[in-house]
Amino acid sequence: MKTILKKILFIDLLKGMLITLKTIFSQPVTIRYPKEKRSVEESFRGRHAFVRDPSTGKERCVACTKCAQVCPSQCIYIDYSINDGGVRTLIKYEIDALRCIFCGYCEEVCPVNAIVLTEFYEYASYTRKSNYFDRNSLLRNWDEFIESYGGTEYLNKFWYLPGIKRDRLPVGKRAPKGILKEIKREEE
């Protein structure tokens, strides 16, 4: 008898409409992307970039190949030459971002803090080639990221890992220094 009465009075339908009516006047829980952008967490890992050395204008990479060795997805390709003094010179550095799992091992193992996974997350594209970063595009990624960076000095939290004794770290990681953002001033 109850089921027949429920069917005649449309009780389930009325309950559903009541729920809909309640949610119409409540605040939305989603963000209206792209008009509103979500703030990224402190440990977010996004698009790859080569850190540009402010004094030379070139990348900091010394071609040690540690990042390629530690990469679990094997998405980093490095080619280098050795000059007469035994110093390595970087010839080719490429990252296939579509294969990358964004673990951050490359930036943790880098002895000179040359590679970084920036907080930039908007780089979807329709071609595979645009997600294959070479040396120049990695430097462009850095320039784009540091220009949009909100602070005056950038220091990646993965350049110095807490809990590890500093004397056990490579020399470049013992006392990491932030990279000062050049502030462009208009000349009067």
N, C-alpha and C. Protein backbone atom coordinates (compact mmCIF):
# COMPACT_ATOMS: atom_id res chain seq x y z
N MET A 1 0.81 -1.18 0.00
CA MET A 1 0.00 0.00 0.00
C MET A 1 0.87 1.27 0.00
N LYS A 2 2.00 1.21 0.80
CA LYS A 2 2.89 2.37 0.87
C LYS A 2 3.55 2.62 -0.49
N THR A 3 3.96 1.58 -1.17
CA THR A 3 4.63 1.75 -2.47
C THR A 3 3.67 2.32 -3.50
N ILE A 4 2.43 1.94 -3.45
CA ILE A 4 1.45 2.48 -4.39
C ILE A 4 1.23 3.96 -4.10
N LEU A 5 1.14 4.31 -2.81
CA LEU A 5 0.95 5.70 -2.42
C LEU A 5 2.15 6.57 -2.82
N LYS A 6 3.36 6.00 -2.69
CA LYS A 6 4.57 6.72 -3.09
C LYS A 6 4.56 6.98 -4.59
N LYS A 7 4.14 6.00 -5.36
CA LYS A 7 4.10 6.16 -6.81
C LYS A 7 3.07 7.19 -7.25
N ILE A 8 1.94 7.20 -6.57
CA ILE A 8 0.88 8.13 -6.95
C ILE A 8 1.25 9.57 -6.60
N LEU A 9 1.87 9.78 -5.43
CA LEU A 9 2.21 11.13 -4.98
C LEU A 9 3.59 11.60 -5.44
N PHE A 10 4.30 10.75 -6.16
CA PHE A 10 5.64 11.08 -6.67
C PHE A 10 6.58 11.54 -5.54
N ILE A 11 6.63 10.79 -4.46
CA ILE A 11 7.43 11.17 -3.30
C ILE A 11 8.92 11.24 -3.66
N ASP A 12 9.44 10.25 -4.37
CA ASP A 12 10.86 10.24 -4.73
C ASP A 12 11.20 11.41 -5.65
N LEU A 13 10.32 11.74 -6.55
CA LEU A 13 10.54 12.86 -7.45
C LEU A 13 10.54 14.18 -6.68
N LEU A 14 9.64 14.30 -5.74
CA LEU A 14 9.59 15.52 -4.92
C LEU A 14 10.84 15.66 -4.04
N LYS A 15 11.34 14.55 -3.52
CA LYS A 15 12.59 14.59 -2.73
C LYS A 15 13.76 15.08 -3.60
N GLY A 16 13.84 14.55 -4.80
CA GLY A 16 14.90 14.97 -5.71
C GLY A 16 14.81 16.44 -6.07
N MET A 17 13.60 16.92 -6.32
CA MET A 17 13.41 18.34 -6.64
C MET A 17 13.74 19.23 -5.45
N LEU A 18 13.47 18.75 -4.24
CA LEU A 18 13.80 19.51 -3.03
C LEU A 18 15.32 19.64 -2.87
N ILE A 19 16.04 18.57 -3.16
CA ILE A 19 17.51 18.62 -3.10
C ILE A 19 18.04 19.61 -4.14
N THR A 20 17.49 19.56 -5.34
CA THR A 20 17.91 20.49 -6.39
C THR A 20 17.63 21.93 -5.99
N LEU A 21 16.48 22.17 -5.41
CA LEU A 21 16.12 23.51 -4.98
C LEU A 21 17.07 24.03 -3.89
N LYS A 22 17.49 23.16 -2.99
CA LYS A 22 18.44 23.56 -1.94
C LYS A 22 19.80 23.94 -2.54
N THR A 23 20.26 23.18 -3.52
CA THR A 23 21.59 23.43 -4.08
C THR A 23 21.63 24.63 -5.01
N ILE A 24 20.48 25.05 -5.54
CA ILE A 24 20.47 26.22 -6.42
C ILE A 24 20.92 27.46 -5.66
N PHE A 25 20.55 27.59 -4.43
CA PHE A 25 20.84 28.79 -3.66
C PHE A 25 22.10 28.68 -2.80
N SER A 26 22.84 27.59 -2.92
CA SER A 26 24.09 27.46 -2.15
C SER A 26 25.28 27.90 -3.01
N GLN A 27 26.42 28.15 -2.37
CA GLN A 27 27.62 28.58 -3.06
C GLN A 27 28.25 27.40 -3.82
N PRO A 28 28.80 27.63 -5.01
CA PRO A 28 29.43 26.53 -5.75
C PRO A 28 30.73 26.10 -5.08
N VAL A 29 31.08 24.83 -5.23
CA VAL A 29 32.30 24.31 -4.63
C VAL A 29 33.44 24.24 -5.63
N THR A 30 33.16 24.52 -6.88
CA THR A 30 34.20 24.46 -7.90
C THR A 30 34.75 25.85 -8.18
N ILE A 31 35.91 25.87 -8.82
CA ILE A 31 36.55 27.11 -9.23
C ILE A 31 36.21 27.33 -10.70
N ARG A 32 35.90 28.54 -11.07
CA ARG A 32 35.53 28.85 -12.45
C ARG A 32 36.78 29.10 -13.29
N TYR A 33 37.46 28.00 -13.62
CA TYR A 33 38.66 28.06 -14.43
C TYR A 33 38.25 28.35 -15.86
N PRO A 34 38.90 29.17 -16.60
CA PRO A 34 40.16 29.87 -16.45
C PRO A 34 40.03 31.28 -15.87
N LYS A 35 38.81 31.72 -15.55
CA LYS A 35 38.68 33.05 -14.98
C LYS A 35 39.30 33.11 -13.59
N GLU A 36 39.13 32.08 -12.81
CA GLU A 36 39.74 31.98 -11.49
C GLU A 36 40.78 30.88 -11.55
N LYS A 37 41.96 31.17 -11.07
CA LYS A 37 43.04 30.18 -11.10
C LYS A 37 43.29 29.67 -9.69
N ARG A 38 43.51 28.39 -9.60
CA ARG A 38 43.79 27.76 -8.32
C ARG A 38 45.22 28.07 -7.91
N SER A 39 45.41 28.36 -6.65
CA SER A 39 46.78 28.58 -6.17
C SER A 39 47.42 27.21 -5.96
N VAL A 40 48.67 27.11 -6.36
CA VAL A 40 49.36 25.83 -6.27
C VAL A 40 49.95 25.64 -4.88
N GLU A 41 50.08 24.41 -4.48
CA GLU A 41 50.68 24.09 -3.19
C GLU A 41 52.19 24.31 -3.25
N GLU A 42 52.80 24.35 -2.10
CA GLU A 42 54.24 24.64 -2.02
C GLU A 42 55.08 23.57 -2.70
N SER A 43 54.65 22.34 -2.68
CA SER A 43 55.45 21.25 -3.24
C SER A 43 54.98 20.83 -4.63
N PHE A 44 54.24 21.68 -5.32
CA PHE A 44 53.74 21.35 -6.66
C PHE A 44 54.88 21.28 -7.65
N ARG A 45 54.80 20.32 -8.55
CA ARG A 45 55.82 20.15 -9.58
C ARG A 45 55.16 20.24 -10.94
N GLY A 46 55.52 21.27 -11.70
CA GLY A 46 54.91 21.50 -13.00
C GLY A 46 55.93 21.44 -14.12
N ARG A 47 55.86 22.40 -15.03
CA ARG A 47 56.69 22.40 -16.23
C ARG A 47 58.18 22.51 -15.90
N HIS A 48 58.99 21.79 -16.64
CA HIS A 48 60.44 21.78 -16.44
C HIS A 48 61.06 23.08 -16.93
N ALA A 49 62.16 23.46 -16.29
CA ALA A 49 62.90 24.65 -16.72
C ALA A 49 64.36 24.52 -16.31
N PHE A 50 65.22 25.12 -17.10
CA PHE A 50 66.64 25.25 -16.76
C PHE A 50 66.81 26.57 -16.03
N VAL A 51 67.47 26.54 -14.91
CA VAL A 51 67.72 27.77 -14.17
C VAL A 51 68.82 28.54 -14.89
N ARG A 52 68.51 29.79 -15.20
CA ARG A 52 69.48 30.64 -15.90
C ARG A 52 70.38 31.29 -14.86
N ASP A 53 71.68 31.15 -15.03
CA ASP A 53 72.64 31.77 -14.13
C ASP A 53 72.62 33.28 -14.39
N PRO A 54 72.30 34.08 -13.37
CA PRO A 54 72.20 35.53 -13.60
C PRO A 54 73.50 36.18 -14.05
N SER A 55 74.64 35.63 -13.65
CA SER A 55 75.91 36.26 -14.01
C SER A 55 76.32 35.97 -15.46
N THR A 56 76.07 34.76 -15.96
CA THR A 56 76.48 34.41 -17.31
C THR A 56 75.34 34.46 -18.33
N GLY A 57 74.12 34.28 -17.87
CA GLY A 57 72.98 34.25 -18.78
C GLY A 57 72.75 32.90 -19.41
N LYS A 58 73.57 31.90 -19.04
CA LYS A 58 73.43 30.54 -19.56
C LYS A 58 72.87 29.64 -18.47
N GLU A 59 72.59 28.40 -18.87
CA GLU A 59 72.09 27.44 -17.87
C GLU A 59 73.22 27.04 -16.93
N ARG A 60 72.84 26.56 -15.76
CA ARG A 60 73.81 26.16 -14.75
C ARG A 60 74.34 24.74 -14.96
N CYS A 61 73.77 24.00 -15.86
CA CYS A 61 74.07 22.58 -16.02
C CYS A 61 75.56 22.34 -16.30
N VAL A 62 76.14 21.35 -15.62
CA VAL A 62 77.54 20.98 -15.81
C VAL A 62 77.68 19.63 -16.51
N ALA A 63 76.59 19.11 -17.03
CA ALA A 63 76.55 17.85 -17.79
C ALA A 63 77.06 16.67 -16.98
N CYS A 64 76.65 16.57 -15.72
CA CYS A 64 77.07 15.44 -14.89
C CYS A 64 76.24 14.19 -15.17
N THR A 65 75.12 14.31 -15.82
CA THR A 65 74.17 13.26 -16.21
C THR A 65 73.51 12.54 -15.03
N LYS A 66 73.59 13.11 -13.85
CA LYS A 66 72.95 12.47 -12.69
C LYS A 66 71.43 12.46 -12.84
N CYS A 67 70.87 13.53 -13.42
CA CYS A 67 69.41 13.60 -13.58
C CYS A 67 68.92 12.51 -14.52
N ALA A 68 69.66 12.25 -15.58
CA ALA A 68 69.26 11.20 -16.53
C ALA A 68 69.41 9.81 -15.90
N GLN A 69 70.40 9.64 -15.05
CA GLN A 69 70.61 8.34 -14.41
C GLN A 69 69.54 8.03 -13.38
N VAL A 70 69.08 9.04 -12.65
CA VAL A 70 68.13 8.81 -11.56
C VAL A 70 66.67 8.81 -12.05
N CYS A 71 66.42 9.28 -13.25
CA CYS A 71 65.05 9.41 -13.77
C CYS A 71 64.40 8.04 -13.95
N PRO A 72 63.31 7.74 -13.22
CA PRO A 72 62.68 6.43 -13.34
C PRO A 72 61.96 6.22 -14.66
N SER A 73 61.52 7.28 -15.31
CA SER A 73 60.83 7.12 -16.59
C SER A 73 61.76 7.27 -17.79
N GLN A 74 63.03 7.55 -17.55
CA GLN A 74 64.05 7.68 -18.60
C GLN A 74 63.62 8.69 -19.67
N CYS A 75 63.20 9.87 -19.23
CA CYS A 75 62.72 10.88 -20.18
C CYS A 75 63.73 11.99 -20.40
N ILE A 76 64.91 11.91 -19.81
CA ILE A 76 65.93 12.95 -19.96
C ILE A 76 67.07 12.40 -20.83
N TYR A 77 67.42 13.16 -21.88
CA TYR A 77 68.47 12.76 -22.81
C TYR A 77 69.55 13.84 -22.81
N ILE A 78 70.80 13.43 -22.53
CA ILE A 78 71.90 14.38 -22.42
C ILE A 78 73.04 13.93 -23.33
N ASP A 79 73.63 14.90 -24.01
CA ASP A 79 74.83 14.66 -24.80
C ASP A 79 75.83 15.74 -24.44
N TYR A 80 77.08 15.37 -24.27
CA TYR A 80 78.10 16.32 -23.86
C TYR A 80 79.43 15.97 -24.52
N SER A 81 80.34 16.92 -24.46
CA SER A 81 81.70 16.68 -24.94
C SER A 81 82.67 17.05 -23.82
N ILE A 82 83.85 16.47 -23.89
CA ILE A 82 84.88 16.75 -22.88
C ILE A 82 86.01 17.49 -23.59
N ASN A 83 86.35 18.68 -23.08
CA ASN A 83 87.43 19.46 -23.71
C ASN A 83 88.79 18.99 -23.21
N ASP A 84 89.84 19.67 -23.62
CA ASP A 84 91.21 19.26 -23.29
C ASP A 84 91.49 19.31 -21.80
N GLY A 85 90.83 20.19 -21.08
CA GLY A 85 91.04 20.31 -19.64
C GLY A 85 90.22 19.30 -18.82
N GLY A 86 89.44 18.45 -19.50
CA GLY A 86 88.63 17.46 -18.80
C GLY A 86 87.28 17.99 -18.32
N VAL A 87 86.92 19.18 -18.76
CA VAL A 87 85.66 19.79 -18.35
C VAL A 87 84.57 19.41 -19.36
N ARG A 88 83.44 19.00 -18.85
CA ARG A 88 82.32 18.62 -19.71
C ARG A 88 81.60 19.86 -20.21
N THR A 89 81.22 19.82 -21.47
CA THR A 89 80.45 20.89 -22.09
C THR A 89 79.15 20.29 -22.60
N LEU A 90 78.05 20.89 -22.21
CA LEU A 90 76.73 20.41 -22.60
C LEU A 90 76.48 20.69 -24.07
N ILE A 91 76.14 19.64 -24.82
CA ILE A 91 75.81 19.80 -26.24
C ILE A 91 74.30 19.74 -26.43
N LYS A 92 73.68 18.72 -25.84
CA LYS A 92 72.24 18.54 -26.02
C LYS A 92 71.61 18.11 -24.69
N TYR A 93 70.49 18.72 -24.36
CA TYR A 93 69.73 18.36 -23.17
C TYR A 93 68.26 18.40 -23.57
N GLU A 94 67.58 17.26 -23.46
CA GLU A 94 66.19 17.17 -23.86
C GLU A 94 65.38 16.43 -22.82
N ILE A 95 64.14 16.87 -22.63
CA ILE A 95 63.21 16.22 -21.71
C ILE A 95 61.91 15.97 -22.45
N ASP A 96 61.44 14.73 -22.40
CA ASP A 96 60.14 14.37 -22.96
C ASP A 96 59.12 14.47 -21.82
N ALA A 97 58.42 15.60 -21.75
CA ALA A 97 57.51 15.86 -20.63
C ALA A 97 56.31 14.93 -20.63
N LEU A 98 55.98 14.32 -21.76
CA LEU A 98 54.86 13.39 -21.79
C LEU A 98 55.21 12.06 -21.12
N ARG A 99 56.48 11.73 -21.06
CA ARG A 99 56.91 10.52 -20.37
C ARG A 99 57.19 10.76 -18.89
N CYS A 100 57.40 12.01 -18.53
CA CYS A 100 57.79 12.36 -17.17
C CYS A 100 56.66 12.05 -16.19
N ILE A 101 57.03 11.57 -15.01
CA ILE A 101 56.04 11.31 -13.96
C ILE A 101 56.11 12.36 -12.86
N PHE A 102 56.90 13.40 -13.07
CA PHE A 102 57.01 14.57 -12.18
C PHE A 102 57.35 14.16 -10.74
N CYS A 103 58.30 13.24 -10.63
CA CYS A 103 58.73 12.78 -9.30
C CYS A 103 59.67 13.78 -8.64
N GLY A 104 60.40 14.56 -9.42
CA GLY A 104 61.30 15.57 -8.87
C GLY A 104 62.68 15.04 -8.51
N TYR A 105 62.97 13.80 -8.85
CA TYR A 105 64.30 13.26 -8.55
C TYR A 105 65.40 14.04 -9.25
N CYS A 106 65.10 14.54 -10.46
CA CYS A 106 66.12 15.26 -11.23
C CYS A 106 66.54 16.54 -10.50
N GLU A 107 65.60 17.27 -9.94
CA GLU A 107 65.98 18.50 -9.25
C GLU A 107 66.59 18.23 -7.89
N GLU A 108 66.26 17.10 -7.27
CA GLU A 108 66.86 16.76 -5.99
C GLU A 108 68.31 16.32 -6.14
N VAL A 109 68.63 15.61 -7.23
CA VAL A 109 69.97 15.06 -7.38
C VAL A 109 70.94 16.03 -8.05
N CYS A 110 70.45 17.07 -8.68
CA CYS A 110 71.31 18.01 -9.40
C CYS A 110 72.26 18.72 -8.43
N PRO A 111 73.58 18.59 -8.63
CA PRO A 111 74.53 19.19 -7.69
C PRO A 111 74.64 20.70 -7.79
N VAL A 112 74.18 21.29 -8.89
CA VAL A 112 74.31 22.74 -9.06
C VAL A 112 72.95 23.44 -9.16
N ASN A 113 71.87 22.74 -8.86
CA ASN A 113 70.50 23.29 -8.91
C ASN A 113 70.19 23.87 -10.29
N ALA A 114 70.46 23.09 -11.33
CA ALA A 114 70.26 23.57 -12.70
C ALA A 114 68.86 23.31 -13.23
N ILE A 115 68.24 22.23 -12.82
CA ILE A 115 66.92 21.87 -13.33
C ILE A 115 65.88 22.09 -12.24
N VAL A 116 64.72 22.54 -12.63
CA VAL A 116 63.66 22.78 -11.65
C VAL A 116 62.32 22.45 -12.30
N LEU A 117 61.42 21.92 -11.49
CA LEU A 117 60.04 21.73 -11.91
C LEU A 117 59.26 22.91 -11.35
N THR A 118 58.88 23.81 -12.22
CA THR A 118 58.27 25.06 -11.79
C THR A 118 56.83 24.85 -11.34
N GLU A 119 56.24 25.90 -10.84
CA GLU A 119 54.85 25.85 -10.40
C GLU A 119 53.88 26.19 -11.53
N PHE A 120 54.36 26.19 -12.75
CA PHE A 120 53.54 26.53 -13.92
C PHE A 120 52.84 25.27 -14.41
N TYR A 121 51.52 25.27 -14.45
CA TYR A 121 50.78 24.06 -14.81
C TYR A 121 49.94 24.19 -16.07
N GLU A 122 49.92 25.32 -16.70
CA GLU A 122 49.09 25.51 -17.89
C GLU A 122 49.94 25.39 -19.15
N TYR A 123 50.20 24.19 -19.58
CA TYR A 123 50.95 24.03 -20.82
C TYR A 123 50.44 22.86 -21.66
N ALA A 124 49.15 22.69 -21.69
CA ALA A 124 48.55 21.68 -22.55
C ALA A 124 48.66 22.13 -24.00
N SER A 125 48.79 21.16 -24.91
CA SER A 125 48.91 21.50 -26.32
C SER A 125 48.37 20.35 -27.16
N TYR A 126 48.31 20.59 -28.45
CA TYR A 126 47.79 19.59 -29.37
C TYR A 126 48.89 18.81 -30.07
N THR A 127 50.13 19.22 -29.89
CA THR A 127 51.23 18.53 -30.56
C THR A 127 52.19 17.94 -29.55
N ARG A 128 52.76 16.83 -29.90
CA ARG A 128 53.74 16.17 -29.04
C ARG A 128 55.03 16.97 -28.96
N LYS A 129 55.38 17.63 -30.05
CA LYS A 129 56.63 18.36 -30.13
C LYS A 129 56.70 19.50 -29.11
N SER A 130 55.56 20.12 -28.81
CA SER A 130 55.58 21.24 -27.86
C SER A 130 55.81 20.78 -26.43
N ASN A 131 55.67 19.50 -26.15
CA ASN A 131 55.97 18.96 -24.82
C ASN A 131 57.30 18.21 -24.79
N TYR A 132 58.11 18.44 -25.79
CA TYR A 132 59.45 17.88 -25.85
C TYR A 132 60.41 19.06 -25.71
N PHE A 133 60.97 19.24 -24.53
CA PHE A 133 61.76 20.43 -24.23
C PHE A 133 63.23 20.20 -24.51
N ASP A 134 63.79 21.09 -25.31
CA ASP A 134 65.24 21.06 -25.52
C ASP A 134 65.88 22.16 -24.67
N ARG A 135 67.14 22.36 -24.85
CA ARG A 135 67.90 23.30 -24.03
C ARG A 135 67.34 24.72 -24.10
N ASN A 136 67.05 25.19 -25.31
CA ASN A 136 66.54 26.56 -25.47
C ASN A 136 65.13 26.71 -24.92
N SER A 137 64.29 25.73 -25.14
CA SER A 137 62.92 25.85 -24.62
C SER A 137 62.90 25.75 -23.10
N LEU A 138 63.84 25.01 -22.52
CA LEU A 138 63.93 24.96 -21.06
C LEU A 138 64.35 26.31 -20.48
N LEU A 139 65.23 27.00 -21.17
CA LEU A 139 65.62 28.34 -20.74
C LEU A 139 64.47 29.33 -20.91
N ARG A 140 63.70 29.19 -22.00
CA ARG A 140 62.52 30.04 -22.20
C ARG A 140 61.48 29.78 -21.12
N ASN A 141 61.33 28.50 -20.74
CA ASN A 141 60.40 28.16 -19.66
C ASN A 141 60.80 28.86 -18.36
N TRP A 142 62.11 28.90 -18.09
CA TRP A 142 62.59 29.58 -16.89
C TRP A 142 62.29 31.07 -16.95
N ASP A 143 62.57 31.68 -18.09
CA ASP A 143 62.32 33.11 -18.24
C ASP A 143 60.84 33.44 -18.04
N GLU A 144 59.98 32.61 -18.62
CA GLU A 144 58.54 32.83 -18.48
C GLU A 144 58.09 32.64 -17.04
N PHE A 145 58.64 31.61 -16.39
CA PHE A 145 58.25 31.34 -15.01
C PHE A 145 58.73 32.44 -14.07
N ILE A 146 59.98 32.85 -14.18
CA ILE A 146 60.54 33.82 -13.24
C ILE A 146 59.90 35.20 -13.47
N GLU A 147 59.44 35.47 -14.69
CA GLU A 147 58.76 36.73 -14.95
C GLU A 147 57.40 36.77 -14.25
N SER A 148 56.73 35.63 -14.21
CA SER A 148 55.41 35.59 -13.56
C SER A 148 55.50 35.26 -12.08
N TYR A 149 56.70 34.97 -11.59
CA TYR A 149 56.87 34.62 -10.18
C TYR A 149 56.57 35.83 -9.31
N GLY A 150 55.83 35.62 -8.24
CA GLY A 150 55.38 36.72 -7.40
C GLY A 150 56.43 37.32 -6.49
N GLY A 151 57.40 36.55 -6.06
CA GLY A 151 58.40 37.04 -5.11
C GLY A 151 59.56 37.75 -5.78
N THR A 152 60.51 38.19 -4.96
CA THR A 152 61.70 38.83 -5.49
C THR A 152 62.89 37.88 -5.56
N GLU A 153 62.83 36.78 -4.82
CA GLU A 153 63.92 35.80 -4.81
C GLU A 153 63.31 34.41 -4.86
N TYR A 154 63.79 33.58 -5.80
CA TYR A 154 63.25 32.23 -5.95
C TYR A 154 64.21 31.22 -5.33
N LEU A 155 63.70 30.41 -4.42
CA LEU A 155 64.47 29.34 -3.81
C LEU A 155 63.58 28.11 -3.77
N ASN A 156 63.94 27.11 -4.52
CA ASN A 156 63.15 25.88 -4.61
C ASN A 156 63.35 25.05 -3.36
N LYS A 157 62.28 24.53 -2.81
CA LYS A 157 62.39 23.78 -1.56
C LYS A 157 63.10 22.44 -1.74
N PHE A 158 63.24 21.95 -2.96
CA PHE A 158 63.91 20.67 -3.19
C PHE A 158 65.41 20.83 -3.42
N TRP A 159 65.90 22.06 -3.46
CA TRP A 159 67.33 22.26 -3.63
C TRP A 159 68.09 21.91 -2.36
N TYR A 160 67.46 22.05 -1.23
CA TYR A 160 68.07 21.63 0.03
C TYR A 160 67.04 20.82 0.79
N LEU A 161 67.32 19.57 0.98
CA LEU A 161 66.36 18.70 1.64
C LEU A 161 66.64 18.65 3.13
N PRO A 162 65.66 19.02 3.94
CA PRO A 162 65.87 18.96 5.39
C PRO A 162 66.02 17.51 5.84
N GLY A 163 66.81 17.33 6.88
CA GLY A 163 67.04 16.00 7.41
C GLY A 163 68.32 15.35 6.90
N ILE A 164 68.95 15.97 5.93
CA ILE A 164 70.22 15.46 5.40
C ILE A 164 71.32 16.41 5.87
N LYS A 165 72.37 15.84 6.42
CA LYS A 165 73.48 16.68 6.89
C LYS A 165 74.09 17.42 5.71
N ARG A 166 74.33 18.71 5.91
CA ARG A 166 74.83 19.54 4.82
C ARG A 166 76.19 19.11 4.31
N ASP A 167 77.04 18.56 5.16
CA ASP A 167 78.36 18.16 4.69
C ASP A 167 78.31 16.93 3.80
N ARG A 168 77.18 16.23 3.76
CA ARG A 168 77.03 15.07 2.88
C ARG A 168 76.50 15.47 1.51
N LEU A 169 76.07 16.73 1.36
CA LEU A 169 75.54 17.21 0.09
C LEU A 169 76.65 17.71 -0.81
N PRO A 170 76.42 17.77 -2.13
CA PRO A 170 77.41 18.38 -3.03
C PRO A 170 77.63 19.85 -2.64
N VAL A 171 78.75 20.41 -3.03
CA VAL A 171 79.13 21.76 -2.63
C VAL A 171 78.06 22.78 -3.03
N GLY A 172 77.48 22.64 -4.21
CA GLY A 172 76.48 23.59 -4.67
C GLY A 172 75.18 23.53 -3.90
N LYS A 173 74.94 22.47 -3.16
CA LYS A 173 73.69 22.32 -2.42
C LYS A 173 73.86 22.56 -0.92
N ARG A 174 75.06 22.77 -0.45
CA ARG A 174 75.26 22.93 0.99
C ARG A 174 74.64 24.22 1.51
N ALA A 175 74.72 25.26 0.75
CA ALA A 175 74.12 26.53 1.15
C ALA A 175 73.43 27.13 -0.07
N PRO A 176 72.25 26.61 -0.42
CA PRO A 176 71.59 27.11 -1.63
C PRO A 176 71.21 28.58 -1.49
N LYS A 177 71.42 29.29 -2.54
CA LYS A 177 71.07 30.72 -2.55
C LYS A 177 69.92 30.92 -3.52
N GLY A 178 69.02 31.77 -3.14
CA GLY A 178 67.90 32.08 -4.01
C GLY A 178 68.35 32.88 -5.22
N ILE A 179 67.56 32.81 -6.27
CA ILE A 179 67.86 33.55 -7.48
C ILE A 179 67.05 34.83 -7.44
N LEU A 180 67.74 35.95 -7.48
CA LEU A 180 67.06 37.24 -7.43
C LEU A 180 66.36 37.50 -8.75
N LYS A 181 65.14 37.90 -8.64
CA LYS A 181 64.36 38.25 -9.82
C LYS A 181 64.71 39.67 -10.22
N GLU A 182 65.09 39.82 -11.49
CA GLU A 182 65.42 41.16 -11.98
C GLU A 182 64.12 41.93 -12.15
N ILE A 183 64.05 43.05 -11.47
CA ILE A 183 62.87 43.89 -11.57
C ILE A 183 63.11 44.94 -12.63
N LYS A 184 62.28 44.91 -13.64
CA LYS A 184 62.44 45.87 -14.74
C LYS A 184 61.83 47.20 -14.31
N ARG A 185 62.66 48.22 -14.39
CA ARG A 185 62.21 49.56 -14.00
C ARG A 185 62.18 50.45 -15.23
N GLU A 186 61.15 51.23 -15.30
CA GLU A 186 61.05 52.15 -16.43
C GLU A 186 61.93 53.37 -16.17
N GLU A 187 62.74 53.70 -17.16
CA GLU A 187 63.61 54.86 -17.01
C GLU A 187 62.84 56.11 -17.35
N GLU A 188 63.04 57.12 -16.55
CA GLU A 188 62.29 58.37 -16.74
C GLU A 188 62.99 59.29 -17.69
